[in-house]
Amino acid sequence: MNMKTINPARFDVNGGYICLWSHWKPDPNLPDPDMPGMKEDLLTYMPRSNEELCMCGSGKPFEACCRQEQYWWPLCADPELEGFSLLAPQSLTFRQIEGAVLRERLMEDDRLNCTDDRPNSGSWSYWGDMTIKTKGVGIVGFGELELKHNHTLVVTVSSDLRRQVLLKFLKEVAGDLLGKPEHKYLSIEVFDKRIGKNRTLQPLQWLSRPVGKG
């Protein structure tokens, strides 16, 4: 998601958060136009008063935590909308798997929606135990799974908590098929309050951030 899709000049960067949402909505170009097959990202602004607890999970008041930070860190919703987490984009790669068996199990699970189905590949969006819809936008997704060449599974998520939820899900449905994954954090785009511009930070830069820690 590109931070340029929202103009930080329109909002008080010290008065709240930006929250990233991923939605799936029907694709009129698909054989079944009623099935969600088109992804759409959305950024929303969430105001926060100084006295309220910071949404990063530190347990500190907002004015003593993220409000003081140089960067405007985006949030993303936790599965089932049970809270919010700081954006931490990352991927998990499982190799040498039995793709045909895994595909069958993923297709049968109601917590997933298949967004691409091909002979040797496939993609799914994780919706969770409860389907959450945003009126006029689509169904909220909390992670993406992609089967490549029928022997590699790549999972992408936007936070550490989402990673934990997806790993628990995969252990439940395919623990006998999957070994230990390769875990990699990805770059993130944030708004730099000092210079008033967006910046792309590599994992080694943003993993050391002080926010979100008690």
Protein backbone atom coordinates (compact mmCIF):
# COMPACT_ATOMS: atom_id res chain seq x y z
CA MET A 1 0.00 0.00 0.00
CA ASN A 2 1.37 3.40 -0.98
CA MET A 3 1.10 6.18 1.61
CA LYS A 4 0.73 8.62 -1.28
CA THR A 5 -2.90 7.52 -1.57
CA ILE A 6 -3.63 9.68 1.47
CA ASN A 7 -2.55 13.29 1.85
CA PRO A 8 -1.09 13.72 5.37
CA ALA A 9 -1.47 17.50 5.01
CA ARG A 10 -5.24 17.05 5.38
CA PHE A 11 -4.91 15.45 8.81
CA ASP A 12 -3.27 16.15 12.14
CA VAL A 13 -0.34 13.72 12.12
CA ASN A 14 -0.03 14.17 15.90
CA GLY A 15 -3.73 13.63 16.54
CA GLY A 16 -4.34 10.09 15.40
CA TYR A 17 -3.42 7.14 13.21
CA ILE A 18 -3.67 5.97 9.64
CA CYS A 19 -5.13 2.47 9.38
CA LEU A 20 -4.56 0.20 6.36
CA TRP A 21 -7.40 -2.09 5.27
CA SER A 22 -7.41 -4.71 2.52
CA HIS A 23 -10.77 -5.62 0.99
CA TRP A 24 -11.96 -8.15 -1.56
CA LYS A 25 -14.92 -7.33 -3.74
CA PRO A 26 -16.66 -8.96 -6.73
CA ASP A 27 -14.78 -8.84 -10.04
CA PRO A 28 -17.19 -8.36 -12.97
CA ASN A 29 -14.60 -9.86 -15.34
CA LEU A 30 -14.59 -13.26 -13.62
CA PRO A 31 -16.84 -16.16 -14.74
CA ASP A 32 -18.77 -15.75 -11.48
CA PRO A 33 -19.08 -11.95 -11.07
CA ASP A 34 -20.57 -12.34 -7.58
CA MET A 35 -17.44 -13.99 -6.13
CA PRO A 36 -14.90 -11.65 -4.49
CA GLY A 37 -11.86 -11.61 -6.78
CA MET A 38 -10.67 -8.01 -6.85
CA LYS A 39 -8.46 -6.59 -4.10
CA GLU A 40 -8.79 -2.98 -2.98
CA ASP A 41 -6.69 -1.27 -0.30
CA LEU A 42 -8.06 1.57 1.79
CA LEU A 43 -6.48 4.01 4.24
CA THR A 44 -8.59 5.57 6.99
CA TYR A 45 -7.81 8.17 9.64
CA MET A 46 -8.44 7.28 13.30
CA PRO A 47 -8.31 10.26 15.76
CA ARG A 48 -6.77 9.72 19.20
CA SER A 49 -6.80 12.07 22.20
CA ASN A 50 -3.64 12.61 24.21
CA GLU A 51 -5.04 10.93 27.31
CA GLU A 52 -6.22 7.74 25.59
CA LEU A 53 -4.02 4.67 25.62
CA CYS A 54 -1.75 4.43 22.60
CA MET A 55 -3.03 1.95 20.04
CA CYS A 56 0.45 0.49 19.47
CA GLY A 57 0.03 -1.65 22.59
CA SER A 58 2.65 -0.01 24.80
CA GLY A 59 0.15 0.70 27.59
CA LYS A 60 1.23 4.35 27.65
CA PRO A 61 -0.93 7.43 26.93
CA PHE A 62 -0.89 8.47 23.27
CA GLU A 63 0.84 11.79 24.07
CA ALA A 64 3.73 9.93 25.77
CA CYS A 65 4.14 7.34 23.02
CA CYS A 66 3.44 7.38 19.26
CA ARG A 67 2.52 11.07 19.24
CA GLN A 68 6.17 11.88 19.99
CA GLU A 69 7.64 9.66 17.28
CA GLN A 70 9.34 11.01 14.17
CA TYR A 71 7.37 8.71 11.89
CA TRP A 72 3.63 8.36 11.48
CA TRP A 73 3.29 4.58 11.77
CA PRO A 74 0.28 2.99 10.03
CA LEU A 75 -1.93 0.50 11.85
CA CYS A 76 -3.81 -2.54 10.60
CA ALA A 77 -6.81 -4.31 12.11
CA ASP A 78 -6.33 -7.56 14.01
CA PRO A 79 -8.31 -10.65 12.88
CA GLU A 80 -11.95 -10.60 14.00
CA LEU A 81 -11.45 -6.83 14.62
CA GLU A 82 -10.30 -7.54 18.17
CA GLY A 83 -7.89 -4.60 18.14
CA PHE A 84 -5.17 -3.00 16.06
CA SER A 85 -1.44 -3.55 15.52
CA LEU A 86 1.36 -1.47 14.10
CA LEU A 87 2.00 -2.30 10.46
CA ALA A 88 4.82 -4.85 10.13
CA PRO A 89 4.70 -6.31 6.58
CA GLN A 90 6.28 -9.75 6.28
CA SER A 91 6.22 -13.03 4.44
CA LEU A 92 6.45 -16.74 5.26
CA THR A 93 7.67 -19.21 2.61
CA PHE A 94 7.07 -22.96 2.90
CA ARG A 95 8.98 -25.09 0.37
CA GLN A 96 8.80 -28.66 -0.92
CA ILE A 97 5.18 -29.24 0.01
CA GLU A 98 2.53 -31.56 -1.43
CA GLY A 99 0.67 -28.88 -3.32
CA ALA A 100 -2.24 -30.98 -4.54
CA VAL A 101 -3.11 -32.15 -1.02
CA LEU A 102 -2.68 -28.67 0.44
CA ARG A 103 -4.84 -27.11 -2.29
CA GLU A 104 -7.69 -29.50 -1.52
CA ARG A 105 -7.61 -28.64 2.18
CA LEU A 106 -7.46 -24.90 1.59
CA MET A 107 -10.35 -25.08 -0.86
CA GLU A 108 -12.53 -26.77 1.75
CA ASP A 109 -11.90 -24.28 4.55
CA ASP A 110 -14.57 -21.59 5.00
CA ARG A 111 -12.08 -19.20 6.61
CA LEU A 112 -10.45 -18.72 3.22
CA ASN A 113 -11.66 -17.32 -0.07
CA CYS A 114 -10.00 -18.54 -3.27
CA THR A 115 -9.06 -15.54 -5.40
CA ASP A 116 -7.14 -17.38 -8.15
CA ASP A 117 -7.37 -21.05 -9.13
CA ARG A 118 -5.02 -22.44 -11.79
CA PRO A 119 -3.70 -25.97 -12.48
CA ASN A 120 -0.33 -25.48 -10.73
CA SER A 121 -0.99 -22.41 -8.59
CA GLY A 122 -3.63 -20.74 -6.48
CA SER A 123 -4.31 -17.78 -4.19
CA TRP A 124 -6.49 -17.39 -1.11
CA SER A 125 -7.42 -14.55 1.22
CA TYR A 126 -7.81 -15.28 4.93
CA TRP A 127 -11.10 -13.87 6.24
CA GLY A 128 -11.17 -15.63 9.61
CA ASP A 129 -13.98 -17.23 11.56
CA MET A 130 -16.24 -14.22 11.00
CA THR A 131 -16.68 -12.55 7.62
CA ILE A 132 -16.43 -8.78 8.07
CA LYS A 133 -17.85 -6.52 5.38
CA THR A 134 -17.33 -2.80 4.84
CA LYS A 135 -20.37 -1.31 3.16
CA GLY A 136 -19.63 -0.18 -0.37
CA VAL A 137 -16.08 -1.56 -0.31
CA GLY A 138 -15.95 -5.33 0.26
CA ILE A 139 -14.89 -8.08 2.66
CA VAL A 140 -11.92 -7.43 4.94
CA GLY A 141 -8.91 -9.71 4.41
CA PHE A 142 -6.29 -10.43 7.07
CA GLY A 143 -3.63 -12.26 5.06
CA GLU A 144 -2.84 -13.73 1.66
CA LEU A 145 -1.74 -17.25 0.73
CA GLU A 146 -0.23 -18.12 -2.66
CA LEU A 147 0.60 -21.61 -3.90
CA LYS A 148 3.37 -21.51 -6.52
CA HIS A 149 4.24 -24.32 -8.94
CA ASN A 150 2.33 -26.72 -6.68
CA HIS A 151 5.23 -27.03 -4.23
CA THR A 152 5.81 -23.60 -2.60
CA LEU A 153 3.40 -21.71 -0.34
CA VAL A 154 3.97 -17.99 0.32
CA VAL A 155 1.99 -16.26 3.07
CA THR A 156 2.02 -12.46 3.34
CA VAL A 157 0.65 -10.58 6.34
CA SER A 158 0.75 -7.02 7.67
CA SER A 159 1.55 -7.54 11.36
CA ASP A 160 3.18 -9.91 13.84
CA LEU A 161 -0.20 -10.84 15.31
CA ARG A 162 -1.61 -11.71 11.90
CA ARG A 163 1.45 -13.93 11.34
CA GLN A 164 0.71 -15.78 14.58
CA VAL A 165 -2.94 -16.25 13.60
CA LEU A 166 -2.07 -17.55 10.11
CA LEU A 167 0.58 -19.92 11.48
CA LYS A 168 -1.95 -21.33 13.96
CA PHE A 169 -4.47 -21.76 11.14
CA LEU A 170 -1.96 -23.54 8.88
CA LYS A 171 -0.84 -25.83 11.69
CA GLU A 172 -4.48 -26.81 12.20
CA VAL A 173 -5.29 -27.55 8.55
CA ALA A 174 -1.92 -28.66 7.17
CA GLY A 175 0.54 -29.17 10.00
CA ASP A 176 1.52 -32.57 8.57
CA LEU A 177 2.38 -31.01 5.19
CA LEU A 178 4.33 -27.92 6.16
CA GLY A 179 7.79 -27.64 7.64
CA LYS A 180 9.47 -24.60 9.15
CA PRO A 181 8.96 -21.53 6.93
CA GLU A 182 11.45 -18.91 5.82
CA HIS A 183 10.42 -15.69 7.59
CA LYS A 184 11.23 -12.28 6.09
CA TYR A 185 10.21 -8.74 7.05
CA LEU A 186 9.50 -6.35 4.17
CA SER A 187 10.00 -2.63 3.58
CA ILE A 188 7.40 -0.17 4.86
CA GLU A 189 6.35 3.30 3.77
CA VAL A 190 5.80 5.87 6.54
CA PHE A 191 5.28 9.61 6.82
CA ASP A 192 8.24 11.54 8.29
CA LYS A 193 6.80 14.30 10.50
CA ARG A 194 10.06 16.27 10.55
CA ILE A 195 10.35 16.78 6.80
CA GLY A 196 6.67 16.39 5.87
CA LYS A 197 7.33 13.67 3.30
CA ASN A 198 6.90 9.93 2.86
CA ARG A 199 9.87 7.63 3.39
CA THR A 200 10.46 3.99 2.58
CA LEU A 201 12.20 2.16 5.42
CA GLN A 202 13.95 -1.18 5.01
CA PRO A 203 13.42 -3.85 7.71
CA LEU A 204 16.70 -3.11 9.49
CA GLN A 205 15.57 0.51 9.82
CA TRP A 206 12.05 0.03 11.16
CA LEU A 207 12.52 -3.12 13.24
CA SER A 208 14.42 -1.05 15.79
CA ARG A 209 11.52 1.39 16.26
CA PRO A 210 10.76 2.17 19.90
CA VAL A 211 6.99 2.37 19.46
CA GLY A 212 4.86 -0.62 20.31
CA LYS A 213 7.12 -1.64 23.18
CA GLY A 214 6.37 -1.36 26.88
